[in-house]
Each structure stands twice: as C-alpha cells, then as structure tokens.
Amino acid sequence: MTRSQAVIRNGIPVALIALAAIGLAGVAMTTAAAQDPAPREDAGLRERTFTIHYRDLSDIIALIQPIIGPRGSYSVQPRSRAVTVLDAPEIVEKIEDLIAGYDLPPRGIDLVVQLMRAEEGSTDPAAAERRPRGIGLPPAVIQDLTKWGVITPIGSAALSTSENESGTVSMGDDFRLRFSVGTVSASVGLVRMERFVVERVKASAPGAASGRAWAPLMDLVLNLKDRQTTVLGATSSQDSRQALFVSVTATIVE
C-alpha cells in the first residue's frame, strides 16, 4: 500500500472523514444538553409546600390564586392535602401568612332561636299583662315597633354548632328550622348563615302516604352580628291579621 492509498479510502480523504465524525458528535452532544430538564427553582424564586389541616383545598387555591406572580406557579397534592408554591420570596411569604390566618379550626357558635306568632290586638296595659313572659326582648320589640300587639310563642331552641356545619331543630309541633353555617369572621364579629329555613308541616291530603311533608315559610341567607339579636317577620299578605316572627342570636365561642 502506497502513501497516497493510505490517505484516500473509497475515494474520500481520511482527514475529511475524521472531521465529519467530530462534527456529528458535536451536534449529538448539543441535542442531548437541550433535552436536560430545567432546574426546579429558577433564579430568584422560592419553593414552599403547605400542608392544609382544616380547610378544603379548593378554598385554599381560591385564596392564593389572585396573588401568584407572573413567574410563579403552584401544584396540588390531594392525597397529602398539600399545596406547593413556587414564586418570588415576598409572594411566598404573603401566601404563608394568608394560609396561616385562614387554615384554622372551625369556630364554635351558640345559637338561640325563638319562633313566635303575632296577631293584631290591643296594646293597652291590661293586654300587656296577658303577654307571654320569659321569652326575652324580641316580643317587646315587635309590639313596640309594629301593629302586632299579641305575641304567642311557638317554640324556641338553644344549640351549639360550628363553622361549616348544618343542622335541623324542631320548633314546636308543626315547625322546624334548618340551617347551614358558613364562614365565621371573628375579627369583625360576623357569622354568615348560608341557609336559614323556617318550615311548617303540610296538612296530609286524604289517602296520602304516611310521613311529614314540609313547606318553607322563610328561606334566607343571613349575616349575623356576634351577640346581637336579629328579628325577622313574614306574612301571607300586607292585609294579613297574623304574622310569623323568628329571632336569632349568634354568639361566637372564644
């Protein structure tokens, strides 16, 4: 084999083959580097995982979403009840404060409810002596501020419940109260009742199946001030000679 034959193989100079191989290797290395995953934390961002103990994860997401920064992100781990936030340090700190102030044990509430029937009648002293005793302030308020002079108690209840709980309580033989407590804001002394329903039993139709059916008389959403009594009234018409009143007092348990 001559020197010229050693340099040329299959008509292609050996030196060019080596250069081509080096070039292809460089391309392969560049492509592999581009496929490496980016670091989890970008420069200037901080990651923090928050475990949620009391609130729904959906409520936490609704709380933090509006303040996530343009480079920030979050992920949810439902099984571990956790939310992981990646964002600027000041935003992560703000989210930490929000969650700490929101993810709290449900606050207890004491409810006192009175149901009364009101009728037109005399308000002279003799009639006042015949008014029911011992059911508190609401009857006097109704008599002083409305045309209803005769107040008859139907039923009353005192019960303990808590934030995000629902319940049903009997109010006499023919009435009941259904309620659903929402958010309790102790800082402003406010209790939100997502549902406050007063119902009366329906008269059974002849031949109807056994069991009680209920008709709603009041179906409300209420914002109750802590330790203040709210009085609500309803009539079938403006000319009605009877009305139904209910008073409710909510006390936030410290």
C-alpha atoms as a PDB file:
ATOM      1  CA  MET A   1       0.000   0.000   0.000  1.00  0.00           C
ATOM      2  CA  THR A   2       1.436   3.398  -1.050  1.00  0.00           C
ATOM      3  CA  ARG A   3       1.235   6.633   0.951  1.00  0.00           C
ATOM      4  CA  SER A   4      -1.401   8.030  -1.368  1.00  0.00           C
ATOM      5  CA  GLN A   5      -3.553   4.905  -0.875  1.00  0.00           C
ATOM      6  CA  ALA A   6      -3.364   5.307   2.908  1.00  0.00           C
ATOM      7  CA  VAL A   7      -4.694   8.872   2.739  1.00  0.00           C
ATOM      8  CA  ILE A   8      -7.566   8.128   0.395  1.00  0.00           C
ATOM      9  CA  ARG A   9     -10.160   5.453   1.274  1.00  0.00           C
ATOM     10  CA  ASN A  10     -13.022   4.738  -1.116  1.00  0.00           C
ATOM     11  CA  GLY A  11     -12.265   7.979  -2.854  1.00  0.00           C
ATOM     12  CA  ILE A  12     -12.717  10.108   0.326  1.00  0.00           C
ATOM     13  CA  PRO A  13      -9.712  11.618   2.130  1.00  0.00           C
ATOM     14  CA  VAL A  14      -9.342  10.143   5.662  1.00  0.00           C
ATOM     15  CA  ALA A  15      -8.820  13.608   7.135  1.00  0.00           C
ATOM     16  CA  LEU A  16     -12.280  14.693   5.929  1.00  0.00           C
ATOM     17  CA  ILE A  17     -13.895  11.566   7.398  1.00  0.00           C
ATOM     18  CA  ALA A  18     -12.439  12.397  10.794  1.00  0.00           C
ATOM     19  CA  LEU A  19     -13.675  15.990  10.620  1.00  0.00           C
ATOM     20  CA  ALA A  20     -17.167  14.824   9.683  1.00  0.00           C
ATOM     21  CA  ALA A  21     -17.285  12.428  12.634  1.00  0.00           C
ATOM     22  CA  ILE A  22     -16.184  15.167  15.032  1.00  0.00           C
ATOM     23  CA  GLY A  23     -18.891  17.484  13.661  1.00  0.00           C
ATOM     24  CA  LEU A  24     -21.630  14.893  14.080  1.00  0.00           C
ATOM     25  CA  ALA A  25     -20.528  14.160  17.616  1.00  0.00           C
ATOM     26  CA  GLY A  26     -20.740  17.848  18.427  1.00  0.00           C
ATOM     27  CA  VAL A  27     -24.290  18.006  17.104  1.00  0.00           C
ATOM     28  CA  ALA A  28     -25.313  14.964  19.175  1.00  0.00           C
ATOM     29  CA  MET A  29     -23.885  16.457  22.381  1.00  0.00           C
ATOM     30  CA  THR A  30     -25.675  19.741  21.796  1.00  0.00           C
ATOM     31  CA  THR A  31     -29.027  17.987  21.290  1.00  0.00           C
ATOM     32  CA  ALA A  32     -28.637  15.902  24.457  1.00  0.00           C
ATOM     33  CA  ALA A  33     -27.870  19.003  26.536  1.00  0.00           C
ATOM     34  CA  ALA A  34     -31.019  20.739  25.238  1.00  0.00           C
ATOM     35  CA  GLN A  35     -33.152  17.834  26.453  1.00  0.00           C
ATOM     36  CA  ASP A  36     -31.995  18.033  30.101  1.00  0.00           C
ATOM     37  CA  PRO A  37     -34.840  19.218  32.443  1.00  0.00           C
ATOM     38  CA  ALA A  38     -34.606  22.778  33.709  1.00  0.00           C
ATOM     39  CA  PRO A  39     -33.847  23.263  37.422  1.00  0.00           C
ATOM     40  CA  ARG A  40     -36.929  23.190  39.664  1.00  0.00           C
ATOM     41  CA  GLU A  41     -36.200  26.610  41.142  1.00  0.00           C
ATOM     42  CA  ASP A  42     -35.312  29.429  38.792  1.00  0.00           C
ATOM     43  CA  ALA A  43     -33.038  32.222  39.905  1.00  0.00           C
ATOM     44  CA  GLY A  44     -34.761  34.442  42.457  1.00  0.00           C
ATOM     45  CA  LEU A  45     -37.706  32.077  43.109  1.00  0.00           C
ATOM     46  CA  ARG A  46     -38.500  30.125  46.256  1.00  0.00           C
ATOM     47  CA  GLU A  47     -40.449  26.889  46.656  1.00  0.00           C
ATOM     48  CA  ARG A  48     -42.602  26.098  49.688  1.00  0.00           C
ATOM     49  CA  THR A  49     -45.059  23.275  50.444  1.00  0.00           C
ATOM     50  CA  PHE A  50     -48.034  23.982  52.720  1.00  0.00           C
ATOM     51  CA  THR A  51     -49.989  21.173  54.383  1.00  0.00           C
ATOM     52  CA  ILE A  52     -53.667  22.080  54.829  1.00  0.00           C
ATOM     53  CA  HIS A  53     -55.289  20.815  58.023  1.00  0.00           C
ATOM     54  CA  TYR A  54     -58.834  22.200  58.220  1.00  0.00           C
ATOM     55  CA  ARG A  55     -59.994  23.941  55.050  1.00  0.00           C
ATOM     56  CA  ASP A  56     -60.874  22.483  51.662  1.00  0.00           C
ATOM     57  CA  LEU A  57     -58.054  22.544  49.145  1.00  0.00           C
ATOM     58  CA  SER A  58     -60.347  24.317  46.668  1.00  0.00           C
ATOM     59  CA  ASP A  59     -60.798  27.170  49.165  1.00  0.00           C
ATOM     60  CA  ILE A  60     -57.029  27.473  49.600  1.00  0.00           C
ATOM     61  CA  ILE A  61     -56.500  27.618  45.826  1.00  0.00           C
ATOM     62  CA  ALA A  62     -59.140  30.340  45.519  1.00  0.00           C
ATOM     63  CA  LEU A  63     -57.323  32.243  48.279  1.00  0.00           C
ATOM     64  CA  ILE A  64     -53.823  32.153  46.737  1.00  0.00           C
ATOM     65  CA  GLN A  65     -54.545  32.264  43.005  1.00  0.00           C
ATOM     66  CA  PRO A  66     -55.027  36.044  42.764  1.00  0.00           C
ATOM     67  CA  ILE A  67     -51.558  36.787  44.168  1.00  0.00           C
ATOM     68  CA  ILE A  68     -49.452  34.245  42.260  1.00  0.00           C
ATOM     69  CA  GLY A  69     -46.816  36.233  40.348  1.00  0.00           C
ATOM     70  CA  PRO A  70     -46.209  36.161  36.566  1.00  0.00           C
ATOM     71  CA  ARG A  71     -43.300  33.721  37.009  1.00  0.00           C
ATOM     72  CA  GLY A  72     -44.958  31.812  39.828  1.00  0.00           C
ATOM     73  CA  SER A  73     -46.812  28.519  39.818  1.00  0.00           C
ATOM     74  CA  TYR A  74     -48.454  26.088  42.215  1.00  0.00           C
ATOM     75  CA  SER A  75     -49.327  22.399  42.336  1.00  0.00           C
ATOM     76  CA  VAL A  76     -51.786  20.441  44.465  1.00  0.00           C
ATOM     77  CA  GLN A  77     -51.238  17.067  46.146  1.00  0.00           C
ATOM     78  CA  PRO A  78     -54.768  15.905  47.111  1.00  0.00           C
ATOM     79  CA  ARG A  79     -53.699  12.737  48.950  1.00  0.00           C
ATOM     80  CA  SER A  80     -51.395  14.585  51.317  1.00  0.00           C
ATOM     81  CA  ARG A  81     -53.648  17.681  51.392  1.00  0.00           C
ATOM     82  CA  ALA A  82     -50.739  19.889  50.382  1.00  0.00           C
ATOM     83  CA  VAL A  83     -50.127  22.837  48.052  1.00  0.00           C
ATOM     84  CA  THR A  84     -46.670  23.597  46.673  1.00  0.00           C
ATOM     85  CA  VAL A  85     -45.947  27.171  45.595  1.00  0.00           C
ATOM     86  CA  LEU A  86     -43.003  28.370  43.505  1.00  0.00           C
ATOM     87  CA  ASP A  87     -42.740  32.143  43.354  1.00  0.00           C
ATOM     88  CA  ALA A  88     -40.793  35.206  44.419  1.00  0.00           C
ATOM     89  CA  PRO A  89     -39.798  35.113  48.116  1.00  0.00           C
ATOM     90  CA  GLU A  90     -42.039  38.027  49.099  1.00  0.00           C
ATOM     91  CA  ILE A  91     -45.057  36.380  47.440  1.00  0.00           C
ATOM     92  CA  VAL A  92     -44.353  33.035  49.118  1.00  0.00           C
ATOM     93  CA  GLU A  93     -44.204  34.827  52.486  1.00  0.00           C
ATOM     94  CA  LYS A  94     -47.514  36.559  51.785  1.00  0.00           C
ATOM     95  CA  ILE A  95     -49.121  33.244  50.858  1.00  0.00           C
ATOM     96  CA  GLU A  96     -47.760  31.722  54.065  1.00  0.00           C
ATOM     97  CA  ASP A  97     -49.411  34.470  56.126  1.00  0.00           C
ATOM     98  CA  LEU A  98     -52.715  34.080  54.263  1.00  0.00           C
ATOM     99  CA  ILE A  99     -52.854  30.333  54.762  1.00  0.00           C
ATOM    100  CA  ALA A 100     -51.842  30.610  58.432  1.00  0.00           C
ATOM    101  CA  GLY A 101     -54.692  33.056  59.054  1.00  0.00           C
ATOM    102  CA  TYR A 102     -57.252  31.030  57.083  1.00  0.00           C
ATOM    103  CA  ASP A 103     -56.489  27.369  57.774  1.00  0.00           C
ATOM    104  CA  LEU A 104     -57.837  27.412  61.322  1.00  0.00           C
ATOM    105  CA  PRO A 105     -60.077  25.014  63.275  1.00  0.00           C
ATOM    106  CA  PRO A 106     -63.812  25.677  62.773  1.00  0.00           C
ATOM    107  CA  ARG A 107     -65.079  28.242  65.262  1.00  0.00           C
ATOM    108  CA  GLY A 108     -67.892  27.264  67.582  1.00  0.00           C
ATOM    109  CA  ILE A 109     -71.185  29.146  67.606  1.00  0.00           C
ATOM    110  CA  ASP A 110     -74.042  29.238  70.112  1.00  0.00           C
ATOM    111  CA  LEU A 111     -77.452  29.864  68.546  1.00  0.00           C
ATOM    112  CA  VAL A 112     -80.618  30.941  70.321  1.00  0.00           C
ATOM    113  CA  VAL A 113     -83.729  30.892  68.144  1.00  0.00           C
ATOM    114  CA  GLN A 114     -87.308  31.871  69.036  1.00  0.00           C
ATOM    115  CA  LEU A 115     -90.348  31.365  66.831  1.00  0.00           C
ATOM    116  CA  MET A 116     -93.464  33.461  67.525  1.00  0.00           C
ATOM    117  CA  ARG A 117     -96.904  34.019  66.106  1.00  0.00           C
ATOM    118  CA  ALA A 118     -98.067  37.646  66.052  1.00  0.00           C
ATOM    119  CA  GLU A 119    -101.629  38.912  65.801  1.00  0.00           C
ATOM    120  CA  GLU A 120    -103.296  42.286  65.722  1.00  0.00           C
ATOM    121  CA  GLY A 121    -104.553  43.244  69.133  1.00  0.00           C
ATOM    122  CA  SER A 122    -104.731  45.828  71.881  1.00  0.00           C
ATOM    123  CA  THR A 123    -101.557  47.222  73.377  1.00  0.00           C
ATOM    124  CA  ASP A 124    -103.203  48.726  76.472  1.00  0.00           C
ATOM    125  CA  PRO A 125    -101.748  47.899  79.918  1.00  0.00           C
ATOM    126  CA  ALA A 126    -104.332  45.197  80.563  1.00  0.00           C
ATOM    127  CA  ALA A 127    -103.343  43.443  77.331  1.00  0.00           C
ATOM    128  CA  ALA A 128     -99.697  43.853  78.226  1.00  0.00           C
ATOM    129  CA  GLU A 129    -100.331  41.863  81.410  1.00  0.00           C
ATOM    130  CA  ARG A 130    -101.525  38.986  79.233  1.00  0.00           C
ATOM    131  CA  ARG A 131     -98.393  38.918  77.085  1.00  0.00           C
ATOM    132  CA  PRO A 132     -96.243  35.800  77.374  1.00  0.00           C
ATOM    133  CA  ARG A 133     -93.478  36.092  79.923  1.00  0.00           C
ATOM    134  CA  GLY A 134     -89.925  34.865  79.877  1.00  0.00           C
ATOM    135  CA  ILE A 135     -89.090  34.747  76.171  1.00  0.00           C
ATOM    136  CA  GLY A 136     -86.909  37.805  76.123  1.00  0.00           C
ATOM    137  CA  LEU A 137     -86.556  41.021  74.146  1.00  0.00           C
ATOM    138  CA  PRO A 138     -87.966  40.230  70.667  1.00  0.00           C
ATOM    139  CA  PRO A 139     -91.684  40.191  71.644  1.00  0.00           C
ATOM    140  CA  ALA A 140     -91.375  43.638  73.222  1.00  0.00           C
ATOM    141  CA  VAL A 141     -89.595  44.944  70.137  1.00  0.00           C
ATOM    142  CA  ILE A 142     -92.298  43.553  67.850  1.00  0.00           C
ATOM    143  CA  GLN A 143     -95.072  45.061  69.938  1.00  0.00           C
ATOM    144  CA  ASP A 144     -93.391  48.470  70.172  1.00  0.00           C
ATOM    145  CA  LEU A 145     -92.447  48.812  66.505  1.00  0.00           C
ATOM    146  CA  THR A 146     -95.245  47.053  64.602  1.00  0.00           C
ATOM    147  CA  LYS A 147     -99.031  46.764  64.623  1.00  0.00           C
ATOM    148  CA  TRP A 148     -98.838  43.306  66.144  1.00  0.00           C
ATOM    149  CA  GLY A 149     -99.961  43.550  69.755  1.00  0.00           C
ATOM    150  CA  VAL A 150    -100.411  39.903  70.731  1.00  0.00           C
ATOM    151  CA  ILE A 151     -97.345  37.664  70.615  1.00  0.00           C
ATOM    152  CA  THR A 152     -97.640  33.923  71.198  1.00  0.00           C
ATOM    153  CA  PRO A 153     -94.525  31.740  71.449  1.00  0.00           C
ATOM    154  CA  ILE A 154     -94.452  28.697  69.180  1.00  0.00           C
ATOM    155  CA  GLY A 155     -91.090  27.206  70.047  1.00  0.00           C
ATOM    156  CA  SER A 156     -87.523  28.022  70.973  1.00  0.00           C
ATOM    157  CA  ALA A 157     -84.146  26.319  70.865  1.00  0.00           C
ATOM    158  CA  ALA A 158     -80.647  26.899  72.180  1.00  0.00           C
ATOM    159  CA  LEU A 159     -77.937  24.869  70.475  1.00  0.00           C
ATOM    160  CA  SER A 160     -74.221  24.728  69.853  1.00  0.00           C
ATOM    161  CA  THR A 161     -72.852  24.316  66.341  1.00  0.00           C
ATOM    162  CA  SER A 162     -69.757  25.389  64.434  1.00  0.00           C
ATOM    163  CA  GLU A 163     -68.471  26.871  61.218  1.00  0.00           C
ATOM    164  CA  ASN A 164     -69.428  24.932  58.057  1.00  0.00           C
ATOM    165  CA  GLU A 165     -71.932  22.725  59.904  1.00  0.00           C
ATOM    166  CA  SER A 166     -75.613  22.157  59.137  1.00  0.00           C
ATOM    167  CA  GLY A 167     -78.492  21.037  61.300  1.00  0.00           C
ATOM    168  CA  THR A 168     -82.228  20.752  61.848  1.00  0.00           C
ATOM    169  CA  VAL A 169     -84.109  21.573  65.047  1.00  0.00           C
ATOM    170  CA  SER A 170     -87.781  21.272  65.951  1.00  0.00           C
ATOM    171  CA  MET A 171     -89.643  24.490  66.764  1.00  0.00           C
ATOM    172  CA  GLY A 172     -92.898  23.328  68.316  1.00  0.00           C
ATOM    173  CA  ASP A 173     -95.150  20.610  66.955  1.00  0.00           C
ATOM    174  CA  ASP A 174     -95.605  21.913  63.430  1.00  0.00           C
ATOM    175  CA  PHE A 175     -92.484  23.957  62.696  1.00  0.00           C
ATOM    176  CA  ARG A 176     -88.782  23.294  62.269  1.00  0.00           C
ATOM    177  CA  LEU A 177     -85.606  25.200  61.493  1.00  0.00           C
ATOM    178  CA  ARG A 178     -82.933  24.054  59.033  1.00  0.00           C
ATOM    179  CA  PHE A 179     -79.651  25.947  58.961  1.00  0.00           C
ATOM    180  CA  SER A 180     -76.222  25.830  57.379  1.00  0.00           C
ATOM    181  CA  VAL A 181     -73.425  27.887  58.934  1.00  0.00           C
ATOM    182  CA  GLY A 182     -70.876  29.380  56.560  1.00  0.00           C
ATOM    183  CA  THR A 183     -67.817  31.443  57.345  1.00  0.00           C
ATOM    184  CA  VAL A 184     -67.302  32.908  60.811  1.00  0.00           C
ATOM    185  CA  SER A 185     -65.201  36.091  60.865  1.00  0.00           C
ATOM    186  CA  ALA A 186     -64.241  36.613  64.474  1.00  0.00           C
ATOM    187  CA  SER A 187     -62.130  39.674  63.653  1.00  0.00           C
ATOM    188  CA  VAL A 188     -65.227  41.607  62.524  1.00  0.00           C
ATOM    189  CA  GLY A 189     -67.752  39.681  64.646  1.00  0.00           C
ATOM    190  CA  LEU A 190     -69.768  38.283  61.737  1.00  0.00           C
ATOM    191  CA  VAL A 191     -71.472  34.911  61.293  1.00  0.00           C
ATOM    192  CA  ARG A 192     -72.725  34.021  57.826  1.00  0.00           C
ATOM    193  CA  MET A 193     -75.689  31.663  57.592  1.00  0.00           C
ATOM    194  CA  GLU A 194     -75.644  30.188  54.105  1.00  0.00           C
ATOM    195  CA  ARG A 195     -79.139  28.758  54.661  1.00  0.00           C
ATOM    196  CA  PHE A 196     -81.702  29.714  57.285  1.00  0.00           C
ATOM    197  CA  VAL A 197     -85.004  27.988  56.560  1.00  0.00           C
ATOM    198  CA  VAL A 198     -88.181  28.006  58.661  1.00  0.00           C
ATOM    199  CA  GLU A 199     -90.633  25.306  57.573  1.00  0.00           C
ATOM    200  CA  ARG A 200     -94.153  24.276  58.534  1.00  0.00           C
ATOM    201  CA  VAL A 201     -95.564  20.802  58.209  1.00  0.00           C
ATOM    202  CA  LYS A 202     -98.055  20.372  55.375  1.00  0.00           C
ATOM    203  CA  ALA A 203    -101.509  19.031  56.068  1.00  0.00           C
ATOM    204  CA  SER A 204    -101.758  15.465  54.824  1.00  0.00           C
ATOM    205  CA  ALA A 205    -104.025  15.025  51.850  1.00  0.00           C
ATOM    206  CA  PRO A 206    -106.646  12.264  52.079  1.00  0.00           C
ATOM    207  CA  GLY A 207    -105.107   8.985  51.006  1.00  0.00           C
ATOM    208  CA  ALA A 208    -101.572  10.402  51.055  1.00  0.00           C
ATOM    209  CA  ALA A 209     -98.701   8.185  52.112  1.00  0.00           C
ATOM    210  CA  SER A 210     -97.630   8.391  55.735  1.00  0.00           C
ATOM    211  CA  GLY A 211     -94.777  10.769  56.598  1.00  0.00           C
ATOM    212  CA  ARG A 212     -94.495  14.515  57.091  1.00  0.00           C
ATOM    213  CA  ALA A 213     -94.010  16.930  54.223  1.00  0.00           C
ATOM    214  CA  TRP A 214     -92.675  20.420  54.884  1.00  0.00           C
ATOM    215  CA  ALA A 215     -93.350  23.775  53.263  1.00  0.00           C
ATOM    216  CA  PRO A 216     -90.787  26.606  53.564  1.00  0.00           C
ATOM    217  CA  LEU A 217     -92.028  29.843  55.115  1.00  0.00           C
ATOM    218  CA  MET A 218     -88.641  31.623  55.145  1.00  0.00           C
ATOM    219  CA  ASP A 219     -85.566  30.682  53.132  1.00  0.00           C
ATOM    220  CA  LEU A 220     -82.803  33.216  53.698  1.00  0.00           C
ATOM    221  CA  VAL A 221     -79.095  33.945  53.644  1.00  0.00           C
ATOM    222  CA  LEU A 222     -78.154  35.893  56.776  1.00  0.00           C
ATOM    223  CA  ASN A 223     -75.158  37.845  58.039  1.00  0.00           C
ATOM    224  CA  LEU A 224     -75.492  37.888  61.813  1.00  0.00           C
ATOM    225  CA  LYS A 225     -73.562  40.166  64.118  1.00  0.00           C
ATOM    226  CA  ASP A 226     -71.934  38.474  67.075  1.00  0.00           C
ATOM    227  CA  ARG A 227     -74.118  38.671  70.224  1.00  0.00           C
ATOM    228  CA  GLN A 228     -76.793  40.756  68.508  1.00  0.00           C
ATOM    229  CA  THR A 229     -80.397  39.628  68.059  1.00  0.00           C
ATOM    230  CA  THR A 230     -81.907  39.729  64.581  1.00  0.00           C
ATOM    231  CA  VAL A 231     -85.717  39.635  64.261  1.00  0.00           C
ATOM    232  CA  LEU A 232     -87.348  38.503  61.013  1.00  0.00           C
ATOM    233  CA  GLY A 233     -91.036  38.545  60.100  1.00  0.00           C
ATOM    234  CA  ALA A 234     -93.246  37.149  57.364  1.00  0.00           C
ATOM    235  CA  THR A 235     -96.938  37.396  56.454  1.00  0.00           C
ATOM    236  CA  SER A 236     -99.041  35.897  53.710  1.00  0.00           C
ATOM    237  CA  SER A 237    -100.055  39.427  52.560  1.00  0.00           C
ATOM    238  CA  GLN A 238     -99.921  43.052  53.645  1.00  0.00           C
ATOM    239  CA  ASP A 239    -103.511  42.830  54.860  1.00  0.00           C
ATOM    240  CA  SER A 240    -102.981  39.677  56.882  1.00  0.00           C
ATOM    241  CA  ARG A 241    -104.062  39.789  60.521  1.00  0.00           C
ATOM    242  CA  GLN A 242    -101.353  37.321  61.518  1.00  0.00           C
ATOM    243  CA  ALA A 243     -97.594  37.154  61.045  1.00  0.00           C
ATOM    244  CA  LEU A 244     -94.760  34.818  61.892  1.00  0.00           C
ATOM    245  CA  PHE A 245     -91.644  36.169  63.577  1.00  0.00           C
ATOM    246  CA  VAL A 246     -88.343  34.472  64.306  1.00  0.00           C
ATOM    247  CA  SER A 247     -85.477  35.900  66.311  1.00  0.00           C
ATOM    248  CA  VAL A 248     -81.939  34.528  66.169  1.00  0.00           C
ATOM    249  CA  THR A 249     -78.886  35.378  68.234  1.00  0.00           C
ATOM    250  CA  ALA A 250     -75.461  34.016  67.275  1.00  0.00           C
ATOM    251  CA  THR A 251     -72.567  34.098  69.704  1.00  0.00           C
ATOM    252  CA  ILE A 252     -69.034  33.242  68.554  1.00  0.00           C
ATOM    253  CA  VAL A 253     -67.365  30.922  71.051  1.00  0.00           C
ATOM    254  CA  GLU A 254     -63.935  32.195  72.029  1.00  0.00           C
END
